[in-house]
Amino acid sequence: MSIKKVTSEPSPSKDNELEIRKVKALEKIANSLDALTIWFEEIDKDEWSQRLQFYLAEFHKYAKPKDPTIDE
């Protein structure tokens, strides 16, 4: 039976392997962010604007102002 020494420092090959994994992970994150950026740019902002105006109008129907000096 052989006894292996446990070292706290990783070997250079493990460091290199870890760095490669880090780079690959960062590249995947960057690709996902790029896809999200393209999606946000392609959104029909006019349609969203109308939708937001509708929901704000609905909110104002039900929300009563706390300040009595505000005209409805």
C-alpha atoms as a PDB file:
ATOM      1  CA  MET A   1       0.000   0.000   0.000  1.00  0.00           C
ATOM      2  CA  SER A   2       1.457   3.331  -0.985  1.00  0.00           C
ATOM      3  CA  ILE A   3       0.935   6.549   0.932  1.00  0.00           C
ATOM      4  CA  LYS A   4       0.292   9.704  -1.047  1.00  0.00           C
ATOM      5  CA  LYS A   5       1.325  13.052   0.284  1.00  0.00           C
ATOM      6  CA  VAL A   6      -1.370  15.688   0.311  1.00  0.00           C
ATOM      7  CA  THR A   7      -0.024  18.998  -0.868  1.00  0.00           C
ATOM      8  CA  SER A   8      -1.794  22.296  -0.471  1.00  0.00           C
ATOM      9  CA  GLU A   9      -0.398  23.662  -3.737  1.00  0.00           C
ATOM     10  CA  PRO A  10      -1.955  22.366  -6.936  1.00  0.00           C
ATOM     11  CA  SER A  11       0.398  21.174  -9.610  1.00  0.00           C
ATOM     12  CA  PRO A  12       1.067  23.439 -12.615  1.00  0.00           C
ATOM     13  CA  SER A  13      -1.036  21.206 -14.841  1.00  0.00           C
ATOM     14  CA  LYS A  14      -3.990  21.530 -12.453  1.00  0.00           C
ATOM     15  CA  ASP A  15      -3.539  25.311 -12.362  1.00  0.00           C
ATOM     16  CA  ASN A  16      -3.531  25.396 -16.138  1.00  0.00           C
ATOM     17  CA  GLU A  17      -6.585  23.145 -16.294  1.00  0.00           C
ATOM     18  CA  LEU A  18      -8.406  25.362 -13.802  1.00  0.00           C
ATOM     19  CA  GLU A  19      -7.568  28.494 -15.798  1.00  0.00           C
ATOM     20  CA  ILE A  20      -8.886  26.856 -18.980  1.00  0.00           C
ATOM     21  CA  ARG A  21     -12.144  25.977 -17.203  1.00  0.00           C
ATOM     22  CA  LYS A  22     -12.432  29.555 -15.937  1.00  0.00           C
ATOM     23  CA  VAL A  23     -11.955  30.953 -19.429  1.00  0.00           C
ATOM     24  CA  LYS A  24     -14.541  28.584 -20.884  1.00  0.00           C
ATOM     25  CA  ALA A  25     -17.035  29.523 -18.169  1.00  0.00           C
ATOM     26  CA  LEU A  26     -16.460  33.242 -18.775  1.00  0.00           C
ATOM     27  CA  GLU A  27     -16.910  32.735 -22.520  1.00  0.00           C
ATOM     28  CA  LYS A  28     -20.259  31.000 -21.900  1.00  0.00           C
ATOM     29  CA  ILE A  29     -21.367  33.865 -19.659  1.00  0.00           C
ATOM     30  CA  ALA A  30     -20.296  36.397 -22.283  1.00  0.00           C
ATOM     31  CA  ASN A  31     -22.227  34.543 -24.991  1.00  0.00           C
ATOM     32  CA  SER A  32     -25.343  34.498 -22.820  1.00  0.00           C
ATOM     33  CA  LEU A  33     -25.053  38.219 -22.112  1.00  0.00           C
ATOM     34  CA  ASP A  34     -24.561  38.896 -25.806  1.00  0.00           C
ATOM     35  CA  ALA A  35     -27.717  36.928 -26.634  1.00  0.00           C
ATOM     36  CA  LEU A  36     -29.662  38.868 -23.994  1.00  0.00           C
ATOM     37  CA  THR A  37     -28.355  42.168 -25.345  1.00  0.00           C
ATOM     38  CA  ILE A  38     -29.485  41.292 -28.856  1.00  0.00           C
ATOM     39  CA  TRP A  39     -32.901  40.215 -27.532  1.00  0.00           C
ATOM     40  CA  PHE A  40     -33.356  43.502 -25.657  1.00  0.00           C
ATOM     41  CA  GLU A  41     -32.389  45.467 -28.756  1.00  0.00           C
ATOM     42  CA  GLU A  42     -34.924  43.587 -30.905  1.00  0.00           C
ATOM     43  CA  ILE A  43     -37.901  44.165 -28.573  1.00  0.00           C
ATOM     44  CA  ASP A  44     -40.666  46.212 -30.168  1.00  0.00           C
ATOM     45  CA  LYS A  45     -40.429  49.153 -27.819  1.00  0.00           C
ATOM     46  CA  ASP A  46     -43.578  50.836 -29.159  1.00  0.00           C
ATOM     47  CA  GLU A  47     -45.654  47.798 -28.245  1.00  0.00           C
ATOM     48  CA  TRP A  48     -44.125  47.676 -24.771  1.00  0.00           C
ATOM     49  CA  SER A  49     -44.745  51.395 -24.330  1.00  0.00           C
ATOM     50  CA  GLN A  50     -48.459  50.952 -25.020  1.00  0.00           C
ATOM     51  CA  ARG A  51     -48.625  47.974 -22.704  1.00  0.00           C
ATOM     52  CA  LEU A  52     -46.903  49.874 -19.889  1.00  0.00           C
ATOM     53  CA  GLN A  53     -49.244  52.835 -20.376  1.00  0.00           C
ATOM     54  CA  PHE A  54     -52.218  50.495 -20.079  1.00  0.00           C
ATOM     55  CA  TYR A  55     -50.962  48.927 -16.841  1.00  0.00           C
ATOM     56  CA  LEU A  56     -50.101  52.333 -15.360  1.00  0.00           C
ATOM     57  CA  ALA A  57     -53.619  53.560 -16.188  1.00  0.00           C
ATOM     58  CA  GLU A  58     -55.088  50.469 -14.509  1.00  0.00           C
ATOM     59  CA  PHE A  59     -52.901  51.064 -11.472  1.00  0.00           C
ATOM     60  CA  HIS A  60     -54.042  54.686 -11.236  1.00  0.00           C
ATOM     61  CA  LYS A  61     -57.683  53.598 -11.342  1.00  0.00           C
ATOM     62  CA  TYR A  62     -57.258  51.577  -8.154  1.00  0.00           C
ATOM     63  CA  ALA A  63     -54.567  53.544  -6.324  1.00  0.00           C
ATOM     64  CA  LYS A  64     -55.888  56.474  -4.386  1.00  0.00           C
ATOM     65  CA  PRO A  65     -53.518  59.367  -3.651  1.00  0.00           C
ATOM     66  CA  LYS A  66     -52.752  59.933   0.037  1.00  0.00           C
ATOM     67  CA  ASP A  67     -52.405  63.683  -0.448  1.00  0.00           C
ATOM     68  CA  PRO A  68     -55.889  65.277  -0.635  1.00  0.00           C
ATOM     69  CA  THR A  69     -54.530  68.250  -2.613  1.00  0.00           C
ATOM     70  CA  ILE A  70     -53.779  66.100  -5.655  1.00  0.00           C
ATOM     71  CA  ASP A  71     -56.501  66.358  -8.278  1.00  0.00           C
ATOM     72  CA  GLU A  72     -57.655  63.118  -9.799  1.00  0.00           C
END
